[in-house]
Amino acid sequence: MRHLPFIPAALAAVVLCSFRSAEAQAPNFAGADVTSAAADHSPPRFSTGVTAGALSFTGGRTEQALSALLQFRPVPWLSLSAAPGFGRTTFGTGSSNGLTDIPLASSAQYLAPGLLWSPTVFGALSTVLSTGSAGSTLGVGRSSVVVTGGLSFTPRRGMYLSADASEPLTPATGNGSADVAISRSLGRTTPSLGFSAETGRPDSAATLARSVAAGVAFSVAGPLTLALDGSRGITTGAPKWAISMSFGTAFSGISSVSGGLMFGRLKNAFGSRAASSSGYTKTPTGGTSCKKIGTC
């Protein structure tokens, strides 16, 4: 509860930094679509953004969250990011609020413009710092390390195909996931469609999560981007629906890990809870996913 008064001030500071970064970088990004900006132009060294979102599970649990995405690029092909957040969850007559789990990621990418469809290969090593106990409804209750790899192609100018897969390296921290998406630049507007699937074995009485998603990103000024994203669960293991709004300079590019694609923006909005996967019961001391405690 004591963290709540600091949230508006923190968000205001992030937005102010976003405007200053956009003003400094505007000449390099003028006219660029938000998907290719990080690949075709020199990205800002420091970038920031804020995301607000809400989700609901078929079991009746709902959550609202705010997060700040902080990103640093020591070199153009490498980004380091963190996404601390604050959330509120309600289930039945009970509710709680507090800090969400904090995703930290190191993401690298390599662009090969001389090859067919100009492929970009990206990979990441990320961790989730748990801020609560195993029984917390705002987190998974334990820290984890995840490896991610992906590819992005440009079959024609302004069109982007991407696919990535993630797998946890730490035991009893859930299953992996795979995402595919297509984006189409319409100048300063870039709509996207995608599909996300949990991989591995579900917890007892749970189903693997499957979702479809759609989003649209608007280039406001330079790298300053406004993005609206939403997903719809097609299995009971996924959130019934999730929506998010992101604003800042940290949402350009092609990496879903750093928030450049809609799946990254949706996941950063809720810490690890939005993508809280099954598979926590692989060991007797497994964690407490929402599917295991029946609140999904």
Protein backbone atom coordinates (compact mmCIF):
# COMPACT_ATOMS: atom_id res chain seq x y z
CA MET A 1 0.00 0.00 0.00
CA ARG A 2 2.83 2.41 0.82
CA HIS A 3 4.13 2.16 -2.76
CA LEU A 4 0.99 3.66 -4.25
CA PRO A 5 1.78 7.39 -3.71
CA PHE A 6 5.02 7.03 -5.68
CA ILE A 7 3.41 5.53 -8.78
CA PRO A 8 2.04 8.78 -10.37
CA ALA A 9 5.36 10.57 -9.81
CA ALA A 10 7.32 7.68 -11.31
CA LEU A 11 5.05 7.52 -14.35
CA ALA A 12 5.28 11.28 -14.87
CA ALA A 13 9.07 11.07 -14.80
CA VAL A 14 9.06 8.26 -17.37
CA VAL A 15 6.74 10.20 -19.71
CA LEU A 16 8.92 13.32 -19.38
CA CYS A 17 12.02 11.28 -20.25
CA SER A 18 10.16 9.82 -23.25
CA PHE A 19 9.38 13.29 -24.62
CA ARG A 20 12.96 14.45 -24.16
CA SER A 21 14.31 11.32 -25.85
CA ALA A 22 11.85 11.76 -28.74
CA GLU A 23 12.90 15.37 -29.27
CA ALA A 24 16.58 14.40 -29.29
CA GLN A 25 16.08 11.56 -31.76
CA ALA A 26 13.38 12.98 -34.05
CA PRO A 27 15.69 13.74 -37.04
CA ASN A 28 16.84 10.10 -37.20
CA PHE A 29 13.33 8.62 -37.12
CA ALA A 30 11.29 11.03 -39.23
CA GLY A 31 8.84 9.14 -41.42
CA ALA A 32 9.90 5.71 -40.15
CA ASP A 33 7.35 3.07 -39.21
CA VAL A 34 7.56 1.85 -35.63
CA THR A 35 8.37 -1.78 -36.50
CA SER A 36 11.49 -1.12 -38.54
CA ALA A 37 12.73 1.95 -36.67
CA ALA A 38 15.26 0.13 -34.53
CA ALA A 39 16.62 -1.82 -37.51
CA ASP A 40 16.77 0.97 -40.11
CA HIS A 41 17.91 3.89 -37.97
CA SER A 42 20.17 4.59 -35.03
CA PRO A 43 18.01 3.81 -31.96
CA PRO A 44 18.10 6.01 -28.86
CA ARG A 45 20.70 4.98 -26.29
CA PHE A 46 18.22 5.40 -23.44
CA SER A 47 14.49 4.84 -23.93
CA THR A 48 11.52 4.64 -21.62
CA GLY A 49 7.81 3.95 -21.70
CA VAL A 50 4.73 3.27 -19.61
CA THR A 51 2.05 0.63 -20.08
CA ALA A 52 -1.39 0.36 -18.50
CA GLY A 53 -3.49 -2.76 -18.89
CA ALA A 54 -6.23 -5.03 -17.64
CA LEU A 55 -6.97 -8.74 -18.00
CA SER A 56 -9.58 -11.28 -16.96
CA PHE A 57 -9.52 -15.06 -16.54
CA THR A 58 -12.44 -17.44 -17.10
CA GLY A 59 -12.43 -18.32 -13.38
CA GLY A 60 -13.40 -14.74 -12.52
CA ARG A 61 -10.06 -13.24 -11.50
CA THR A 62 -9.27 -9.78 -12.91
CA GLU A 63 -6.15 -7.64 -12.79
CA GLN A 64 -5.21 -4.06 -13.59
CA ALA A 65 -1.58 -2.99 -13.77
CA LEU A 66 0.80 -0.14 -14.56
CA SER A 67 4.42 -0.75 -15.55
CA ALA A 68 7.42 1.29 -16.64
CA LEU A 69 9.77 -0.06 -19.32
CA LEU A 70 13.34 1.18 -18.95
CA GLN A 71 15.76 0.34 -21.74
CA PHE A 72 19.47 0.97 -22.35
CA ARG A 73 21.38 0.25 -25.57
CA PRO A 74 25.17 0.30 -25.00
CA VAL A 75 25.51 -0.55 -28.71
CA PRO A 76 22.77 -0.51 -31.40
CA TRP A 77 22.40 -4.32 -31.54
CA LEU A 78 22.16 -4.90 -27.77
CA SER A 79 19.46 -3.77 -25.34
CA LEU A 80 19.12 -4.14 -21.58
CA SER A 81 15.65 -3.63 -20.13
CA ALA A 82 13.62 -3.75 -16.94
CA ALA A 83 9.86 -3.43 -16.44
CA PRO A 84 8.87 -2.77 -12.79
CA GLY A 85 5.15 -2.47 -12.21
CA PHE A 86 2.29 -2.12 -9.75
CA GLY A 87 -0.93 -4.12 -9.97
CA ARG A 88 -4.28 -4.85 -8.37
CA THR A 89 -6.01 -8.20 -8.60
CA THR A 90 -9.56 -9.19 -7.61
CA PHE A 91 -11.04 -12.65 -7.20
CA GLY A 92 -14.47 -13.15 -5.68
CA THR A 93 -14.80 -10.89 -2.64
CA GLY A 94 -11.07 -10.57 -2.10
CA SER A 95 -8.56 -8.21 -3.65
CA SER A 96 -4.92 -7.27 -3.20
CA ASN A 97 -2.45 -4.82 -4.68
CA GLY A 98 1.30 -4.42 -4.76
CA LEU A 99 4.37 -4.71 -6.94
CA THR A 100 4.23 -7.20 -9.81
CA ASP A 101 7.07 -9.56 -10.69
CA ILE A 102 9.84 -7.63 -12.46
CA PRO A 103 11.08 -8.84 -15.88
CA LEU A 104 14.75 -8.09 -16.64
CA ALA A 105 16.08 -8.87 -20.12
CA SER A 106 19.23 -8.69 -22.23
CA SER A 107 18.38 -8.86 -25.94
CA ALA A 108 20.69 -8.94 -28.97
CA GLN A 109 19.82 -8.84 -32.68
CA TYR A 110 21.61 -9.24 -36.01
CA LEU A 111 20.22 -7.89 -39.29
CA ALA A 112 21.29 -9.42 -42.64
CA PRO A 113 19.97 -6.93 -45.25
CA GLY A 114 21.85 -8.63 -48.10
CA LEU A 115 19.91 -11.91 -47.77
CA LEU A 116 16.47 -12.76 -49.12
CA TRP A 117 13.70 -11.09 -47.07
CA SER A 118 16.34 -9.27 -44.95
CA PRO A 119 16.16 -11.65 -41.96
CA THR A 120 16.84 -10.46 -38.44
CA VAL A 121 17.90 -12.96 -35.80
CA PHE A 122 17.38 -12.02 -32.16
CA GLY A 123 17.99 -13.78 -28.88
CA ALA A 124 17.59 -12.92 -25.23
CA LEU A 125 18.34 -14.08 -21.75
CA SER A 126 15.80 -12.82 -19.25
CA THR A 127 14.89 -13.29 -15.63
CA VAL A 128 11.83 -12.57 -13.55
CA LEU A 129 12.47 -11.20 -10.06
CA SER A 130 9.64 -12.30 -7.80
CA THR A 131 8.38 -9.63 -5.42
CA GLY A 132 5.92 -11.82 -3.50
CA SER A 133 5.48 -15.17 -1.81
CA ALA A 134 4.49 -18.41 -3.54
CA GLY A 135 0.85 -17.74 -2.67
CA SER A 136 0.80 -14.21 -4.08
CA THR A 137 -1.89 -13.49 -6.65
CA LEU A 138 0.30 -10.81 -8.24
CA GLY A 139 3.29 -13.02 -9.06
CA VAL A 140 4.51 -16.55 -9.56
CA GLY A 141 6.28 -16.64 -6.21
CA ARG A 142 9.79 -17.47 -7.40
CA SER A 143 12.46 -16.04 -9.65
CA SER A 144 13.16 -17.66 -13.01
CA VAL A 145 15.61 -17.51 -15.92
CA VAL A 146 14.31 -17.79 -19.49
CA VAL A 147 16.09 -18.07 -22.85
CA THR A 148 14.40 -16.73 -26.00
CA GLY A 149 15.22 -16.94 -29.69
CA GLY A 150 13.43 -15.50 -32.71
CA LEU A 151 13.46 -14.55 -36.37
CA SER A 152 11.94 -11.65 -38.28
CA PHE A 153 11.57 -11.39 -42.08
CA THR A 154 10.57 -8.64 -44.51
CA PRO A 155 8.95 -10.42 -47.50
CA ARG A 156 8.04 -7.02 -48.98
CA ARG A 157 8.66 -3.42 -48.02
CA GLY A 158 6.62 -2.50 -44.96
CA MET A 159 5.58 -6.08 -44.13
CA TYR A 160 7.14 -8.04 -41.28
CA LEU A 161 6.82 -11.68 -40.21
CA SER A 162 8.20 -12.70 -36.83
CA ALA A 163 8.38 -15.84 -34.72
CA ASP A 164 9.98 -16.48 -31.36
CA ALA A 165 10.09 -19.19 -28.72
CA SER A 166 10.97 -19.06 -25.02
CA GLU A 167 11.98 -21.79 -22.59
CA PRO A 168 12.67 -21.51 -18.82
CA LEU A 169 16.08 -22.71 -17.66
CA THR A 170 15.16 -22.91 -13.98
CA PRO A 171 13.09 -25.86 -12.65
CA ALA A 172 9.47 -25.55 -11.53
CA THR A 173 8.98 -22.13 -13.12
CA GLY A 174 6.42 -22.98 -15.76
CA ASN A 175 6.43 -23.99 -19.40
CA GLY A 176 7.82 -22.33 -22.49
CA SER A 177 5.89 -20.40 -25.12
CA ALA A 178 5.92 -19.70 -28.85
CA ASP A 179 4.61 -16.60 -30.67
CA VAL A 180 4.08 -15.78 -34.34
CA ALA A 181 2.99 -12.40 -35.69
CA ILE A 182 2.58 -10.39 -38.87
CA SER A 183 2.84 -6.59 -39.04
CA ARG A 184 2.10 -4.18 -41.89
CA SER A 185 3.42 -0.65 -41.97
CA LEU A 186 0.97 1.99 -43.18
CA GLY A 187 3.36 4.87 -42.78
CA ARG A 188 3.18 6.07 -39.19
CA THR A 189 0.66 3.35 -38.28
CA THR A 190 1.63 -0.32 -37.92
CA PRO A 191 -1.15 -2.87 -37.19
CA SER A 192 -0.26 -6.41 -36.11
CA LEU A 193 -1.93 -9.82 -35.75
CA GLY A 194 -0.52 -12.79 -33.89
CA PHE A 195 -0.92 -16.14 -32.16
CA SER A 196 0.66 -17.25 -28.88
CA ALA A 197 0.86 -20.81 -27.53
CA GLU A 198 2.17 -22.34 -24.34
CA THR A 199 4.47 -25.32 -24.91
CA GLY A 200 5.15 -28.24 -22.60
CA ARG A 201 2.94 -30.14 -20.16
CA PRO A 202 0.08 -28.47 -18.26
CA ASP A 203 -0.58 -28.71 -14.56
CA SER A 204 -3.17 -31.22 -13.43
CA ALA A 205 -6.71 -30.13 -14.46
CA ALA A 206 -5.25 -27.24 -16.51
CA THR A 207 -5.05 -26.69 -20.26
CA LEU A 208 -2.18 -25.25 -22.25
CA ALA A 209 -2.70 -21.55 -22.95
CA ARG A 210 -3.53 -20.45 -26.51
CA SER A 211 -4.33 -16.85 -27.47
CA VAL A 212 -4.85 -14.67 -30.52
CA ALA A 213 -3.77 -11.04 -30.38
CA ALA A 214 -4.07 -7.83 -32.32
CA GLY A 215 -2.47 -4.43 -31.90
CA VAL A 216 -1.71 -1.15 -33.58
CA ALA A 217 1.24 1.17 -32.98
CA PHE A 218 1.29 4.86 -33.92
CA SER A 219 4.47 6.86 -34.48
CA VAL A 220 3.76 10.12 -32.62
CA ALA A 221 7.03 12.02 -32.97
CA GLY A 222 10.43 10.53 -33.72
CA PRO A 223 10.68 7.26 -31.74
CA LEU A 224 7.79 8.30 -29.46
CA THR A 225 5.15 5.60 -29.95
CA LEU A 226 1.57 5.01 -28.79
CA ALA A 227 0.44 1.37 -28.97
CA LEU A 228 -2.91 -0.31 -28.27
CA ASP A 229 -2.89 -4.11 -27.91
CA GLY A 230 -5.34 -6.83 -26.98
CA SER A 231 -5.56 -10.61 -26.80
CA ARG A 232 -8.34 -13.17 -26.59
CA GLY A 233 -7.85 -16.58 -25.02
CA ILE A 234 -8.97 -19.55 -27.12
CA THR A 235 -8.34 -22.06 -24.30
CA THR A 236 -9.28 -21.80 -20.62
CA GLY A 237 -5.59 -21.80 -19.67
CA ALA A 238 -5.10 -18.34 -21.17
CA PRO A 239 -6.52 -15.02 -19.97
CA LYS A 240 -10.07 -14.67 -21.31
CA TRP A 241 -9.05 -11.23 -22.54
CA ALA A 242 -6.24 -8.76 -22.01
CA ILE A 243 -5.81 -5.16 -23.18
CA SER A 244 -2.96 -2.69 -22.82
CA MET A 245 -1.96 0.83 -23.85
CA SER A 246 1.74 1.71 -24.15
CA PHE A 247 3.35 5.11 -24.62
CA GLY A 248 7.00 6.06 -24.88
CA THR A 249 10.22 5.67 -26.83
CA ALA A 250 10.93 2.03 -25.81
CA PHE A 251 8.35 0.39 -28.09
CA SER A 252 10.03 0.62 -31.49
CA GLY A 253 11.85 -2.31 -33.10
CA ILE A 254 11.30 -6.00 -33.80
CA SER A 255 12.15 -7.77 -30.52
CA SER A 256 9.18 -9.08 -28.53
CA VAL A 257 11.42 -9.42 -25.48
CA SER A 258 12.20 -5.71 -25.20
CA GLY A 259 8.62 -4.62 -25.90
CA GLY A 260 8.95 -3.83 -29.60
CA LEU A 261 6.16 -6.21 -30.63
CA MET A 262 2.65 -6.52 -29.23
CA PHE A 263 3.40 -9.74 -27.30
CA GLY A 264 6.26 -8.01 -25.53
CA ARG A 265 4.06 -5.01 -24.73
CA LEU A 266 1.27 -7.23 -23.34
CA LYS A 267 3.63 -9.31 -21.20
CA ASN A 268 5.50 -6.31 -19.83
CA ALA A 269 2.21 -4.79 -18.71
CA PHE A 270 1.58 -7.47 -16.08
CA GLY A 271 5.03 -8.75 -15.14
CA SER A 272 5.02 -12.53 -15.51
CA ARG A 273 1.40 -12.99 -14.44
CA ALA A 274 -0.14 -12.24 -17.84
CA ALA A 275 1.77 -15.16 -19.31
CA SER A 276 1.67 -17.25 -16.12
CA SER A 277 2.07 -20.69 -17.59
CA SER A 278 1.30 -24.16 -16.34
CA GLY A 279 3.94 -26.75 -15.48
CA TYR A 280 4.75 -25.51 -11.97
CA THR A 281 4.06 -28.96 -10.49
CA LYS A 282 6.95 -30.73 -12.24
CA THR A 283 8.67 -31.02 -8.86
CA PRO A 284 7.13 -31.54 -5.39
CA THR A 285 8.23 -28.02 -4.43
CA GLY A 286 6.85 -26.39 -7.57
CA GLY A 287 5.65 -22.82 -7.53
CA THR A 288 2.09 -21.54 -7.45
CA SER A 289 0.79 -20.57 -10.87
CA CYS A 290 -2.74 -19.22 -11.12
CA LYS A 291 -3.70 -22.46 -12.85
CA LYS A 292 -2.47 -24.52 -9.91
CA ILE A 293 -4.38 -22.56 -7.26
CA GLY A 294 -7.51 -22.40 -9.42
CA THR A 295 -7.85 -18.64 -9.84
CA CYS A 296 -7.49 -18.61 -13.64
